Amino acid sequence: MMEILMLILFCWLFFKAVGLAFRAAWGAAKILASLLFAVAVPMLVLCLVFAGGVFLLVPLALVAVAFGILKACVA
């Protein structure tokens, strides 16, 4: 009987740990995406004001990567 109770306890802890891992990964993805946005937006403004053409692709790529990370975590 004790073995069955221990098995149930460890299964419950395992599922709780998996849920915590998913929440931690989602938090890390949000932090990474926020950092990418924080870098990309000023770069976008600077490139719009001082340069053009190919230099616009760098901040747009950073924004696209941030959206991709968030999309991958949501899906």
N, C-alpha and C. Protein backbone atom coordinates (compact mmCIF):
# COMPACT_ATOMS: atom_id res chain seq x y z
N MET A 1 0.83 -1.19 0.00
CA MET A 1 0.00 0.00 0.00
C MET A 1 0.88 1.26 0.00
N MET A 2 1.97 1.19 0.79
CA MET A 2 2.88 2.34 0.84
C MET A 2 3.51 2.61 -0.52
N GLU A 3 3.80 1.54 -1.26
CA GLU A 3 4.41 1.71 -2.58
C GLU A 3 3.46 2.41 -3.54
N ILE A 4 2.19 2.08 -3.45
CA ILE A 4 1.20 2.72 -4.34
C ILE A 4 1.07 4.20 -4.00
N LEU A 5 1.06 4.52 -2.71
CA LEU A 5 0.99 5.92 -2.31
C LEU A 5 2.23 6.69 -2.76
N MET A 6 3.40 6.08 -2.62
CA MET A 6 4.63 6.73 -3.07
C MET A 6 4.64 6.91 -4.59
N LEU A 7 4.14 5.93 -5.32
CA LEU A 7 4.06 6.03 -6.78
C LEU A 7 3.14 7.18 -7.18
N ILE A 8 2.00 7.28 -6.53
CA ILE A 8 1.07 8.38 -6.82
C ILE A 8 1.71 9.73 -6.50
N LEU A 9 2.40 9.80 -5.36
CA LEU A 9 3.06 11.05 -4.97
C LEU A 9 4.13 11.45 -5.98
N PHE A 10 4.96 10.52 -6.40
CA PHE A 10 6.02 10.85 -7.35
C PHE A 10 5.47 11.17 -8.73
N CYS A 11 4.40 10.53 -9.15
CA CYS A 11 3.76 10.89 -10.42
C CYS A 11 3.20 12.31 -10.36
N TRP A 12 2.56 12.65 -9.23
CA TRP A 12 2.03 14.00 -9.07
C TRP A 12 3.16 15.02 -9.09
N LEU A 13 4.27 14.75 -8.39
CA LEU A 13 5.41 15.66 -8.39
C LEU A 13 6.03 15.79 -9.78
N PHE A 14 6.06 14.69 -10.52
CA PHE A 14 6.61 14.73 -11.88
C PHE A 14 5.80 15.68 -12.76
N PHE A 15 4.47 15.56 -12.71
CA PHE A 15 3.63 16.43 -13.53
C PHE A 15 3.72 17.89 -13.09
N LYS A 16 3.86 18.12 -11.81
CA LYS A 16 4.05 19.50 -11.32
C LYS A 16 5.38 20.06 -11.81
N ALA A 17 6.42 19.24 -11.82
CA ALA A 17 7.74 19.69 -12.29
C ALA A 17 7.71 19.99 -13.79
N VAL A 18 7.00 19.18 -14.56
CA VAL A 18 6.88 19.44 -15.99
C VAL A 18 6.14 20.76 -16.23
N GLY A 19 5.07 21.00 -15.48
CA GLY A 19 4.35 22.27 -15.61
C GLY A 19 5.23 23.45 -15.25
N LEU A 20 6.02 23.33 -14.21
CA LEU A 20 6.94 24.40 -13.82
C LEU A 20 7.98 24.65 -14.91
N ALA A 21 8.47 23.59 -15.52
CA ALA A 21 9.45 23.74 -16.61
C ALA A 21 8.84 24.50 -17.78
N PHE A 22 7.59 24.19 -18.13
CA PHE A 22 6.94 24.92 -19.23
C PHE A 22 6.75 26.39 -18.88
N ARG A 23 6.35 26.68 -17.64
CA ARG A 23 6.17 28.07 -17.25
C ARG A 23 7.50 28.82 -17.24
N ALA A 24 8.57 28.17 -16.80
CA ALA A 24 9.89 28.81 -16.79
C ALA A 24 10.37 29.07 -18.21
N ALA A 25 10.13 28.13 -19.12
CA ALA A 25 10.54 28.32 -20.51
C ALA A 25 9.77 29.47 -21.14
N TRP A 26 8.47 29.57 -20.83
CA TRP A 26 7.66 30.67 -21.38
C TRP A 26 8.17 32.00 -20.85
N GLY A 27 8.52 32.05 -19.56
CA GLY A 27 9.05 33.28 -18.99
C GLY A 27 10.37 33.67 -19.63
N ALA A 28 11.23 32.69 -19.88
CA ALA A 28 12.52 32.97 -20.52
C ALA A 28 12.31 33.47 -21.95
N ALA A 29 11.33 32.91 -22.65
CA ALA A 29 11.06 33.35 -24.02
C ALA A 29 10.53 34.79 -24.03
N LYS A 30 9.69 35.13 -23.05
CA LYS A 30 9.19 36.50 -22.99
C LYS A 30 10.31 37.48 -22.69
N ILE A 31 11.23 37.10 -21.81
CA ILE A 31 12.36 37.98 -21.49
C ILE A 31 13.24 38.17 -22.71
N LEU A 32 13.53 37.09 -23.43
CA LEU A 32 14.36 37.18 -24.63
C LEU A 32 13.70 38.03 -25.70
N ALA A 33 12.40 37.85 -25.90
CA ALA A 33 11.69 38.65 -26.89
C ALA A 33 11.67 40.12 -26.49
N SER A 34 11.50 40.41 -25.20
CA SER A 34 11.51 41.81 -24.74
C SER A 34 12.87 42.45 -24.98
N LEU A 35 13.94 41.71 -24.73
CA LEU A 35 15.28 42.25 -24.99
C LEU A 35 15.48 42.51 -26.48
N LEU A 36 15.00 41.60 -27.32
CA LEU A 36 15.13 41.82 -28.76
C LEU A 36 14.36 43.06 -29.21
N PHE A 37 13.14 43.24 -28.68
CA PHE A 37 12.37 44.44 -29.01
C PHE A 37 13.07 45.70 -28.51
N ALA A 38 13.65 45.64 -27.30
CA ALA A 38 14.33 46.80 -26.75
C ALA A 38 15.54 47.20 -27.59
N VAL A 39 16.18 46.24 -28.22
CA VAL A 39 17.31 46.54 -29.10
C VAL A 39 16.83 46.96 -30.48
N ALA A 40 15.77 46.32 -30.97
CA ALA A 40 15.35 46.53 -32.35
C ALA A 40 14.68 47.88 -32.58
N VAL A 41 13.88 48.35 -31.64
CA VAL A 41 13.13 49.58 -31.87
C VAL A 41 14.05 50.80 -31.99
N PRO A 42 15.01 51.01 -31.08
CA PRO A 42 15.92 52.14 -31.29
C PRO A 42 16.74 52.01 -32.58
N MET A 43 17.15 50.78 -32.90
CA MET A 43 17.89 50.59 -34.15
C MET A 43 17.03 50.94 -35.35
N LEU A 44 15.76 50.60 -35.30
CA LEU A 44 14.85 50.91 -36.39
C LEU A 44 14.71 52.41 -36.56
N VAL A 45 14.57 53.13 -35.46
CA VAL A 45 14.45 54.59 -35.53
C VAL A 45 15.74 55.20 -36.08
N LEU A 46 16.89 54.74 -35.58
CA LEU A 46 18.16 55.28 -36.08
C LEU A 46 18.35 55.00 -37.57
N CYS A 47 17.99 53.80 -37.98
CA CYS A 47 18.14 53.47 -39.39
C CYS A 47 17.17 54.27 -40.26
N LEU A 48 15.99 54.52 -39.76
CA LEU A 48 15.05 55.33 -40.53
C LEU A 48 15.54 56.77 -40.67
N VAL A 49 16.15 57.31 -39.61
CA VAL A 49 16.58 58.70 -39.63
C VAL A 49 17.88 58.88 -40.41
N PHE A 50 18.88 58.01 -40.16
CA PHE A 50 20.21 58.24 -40.70
C PHE A 50 20.57 57.40 -41.91
N ALA A 51 19.94 56.32 -42.10
CA ALA A 51 20.33 55.44 -43.20
C ALA A 51 19.08 54.89 -43.87
N GLY A 52 19.26 53.96 -44.71
CA GLY A 52 18.12 53.34 -45.38
C GLY A 52 18.56 52.09 -46.08
N GLY A 53 17.65 51.50 -46.81
CA GLY A 53 17.98 50.34 -47.61
C GLY A 53 18.25 49.10 -46.79
N VAL A 54 19.44 48.55 -46.93
CA VAL A 54 19.79 47.27 -46.32
C VAL A 54 19.85 47.37 -44.80
N PHE A 55 20.21 48.54 -44.27
CA PHE A 55 20.31 48.69 -42.81
C PHE A 55 18.96 48.53 -42.12
N LEU A 56 17.87 48.72 -42.83
CA LEU A 56 16.54 48.51 -42.24
C LEU A 56 16.27 47.03 -41.98
N LEU A 57 16.97 46.17 -42.67
CA LEU A 57 16.71 44.74 -42.50
C LEU A 57 17.16 44.21 -41.15
N VAL A 58 18.17 44.81 -40.53
CA VAL A 58 18.68 44.32 -39.25
C VAL A 58 17.63 44.44 -38.14
N PRO A 59 17.07 45.63 -37.86
CA PRO A 59 16.06 45.69 -36.80
C PRO A 59 14.78 44.93 -37.16
N LEU A 60 14.43 44.91 -38.43
CA LEU A 60 13.25 44.14 -38.82
C LEU A 60 13.47 42.65 -38.61
N ALA A 61 14.68 42.18 -38.83
CA ALA A 61 15.00 40.78 -38.56
C ALA A 61 14.93 40.49 -37.07
N LEU A 62 15.39 41.42 -36.22
CA LEU A 62 15.30 41.23 -34.78
C LEU A 62 13.84 41.17 -34.32
N VAL A 63 13.01 42.02 -34.87
CA VAL A 63 11.58 42.00 -34.53
C VAL A 63 10.97 40.68 -35.00
N ALA A 64 11.34 40.23 -36.18
CA ALA A 64 10.81 38.96 -36.70
C ALA A 64 11.25 37.79 -35.82
N VAL A 65 12.48 37.80 -35.36
CA VAL A 65 12.96 36.73 -34.47
C VAL A 65 12.19 36.75 -33.15
N ALA A 66 11.95 37.95 -32.60
CA ALA A 66 11.19 38.04 -31.35
C ALA A 66 9.78 37.52 -31.53
N PHE A 67 9.11 37.90 -32.64
CA PHE A 67 7.78 37.38 -32.90
C PHE A 67 7.81 35.87 -33.10
N GLY A 68 8.84 35.37 -33.77
CA GLY A 68 8.95 33.92 -33.98
C GLY A 68 9.11 33.17 -32.68
N ILE A 69 9.91 33.73 -31.75
CA ILE A 69 10.08 33.07 -30.46
C ILE A 69 8.76 33.03 -29.71
N LEU A 70 8.05 34.16 -29.69
CA LEU A 70 6.76 34.19 -28.99
C LEU A 70 5.75 33.25 -29.66
N LYS A 71 5.74 33.21 -30.98
CA LYS A 71 4.80 32.35 -31.70
C LYS A 71 5.11 30.88 -31.42
N ALA A 72 6.39 30.53 -31.37
CA ALA A 72 6.76 29.15 -31.11
C ALA A 72 6.37 28.72 -29.70
N CYS A 73 6.42 29.65 -28.75
CA CYS A 73 6.06 29.30 -27.38
C CYS A 73 4.55 29.21 -27.20
N VAL A 74 3.80 29.96 -27.97
CA VAL A 74 2.34 29.94 -27.83
C VAL A 74 1.76 28.71 -28.52
N ALA A 75 2.31 28.35 -29.66
CA ALA A 75 1.77 27.23 -30.43
C ALA A 75 2.11 25.90 -29.85
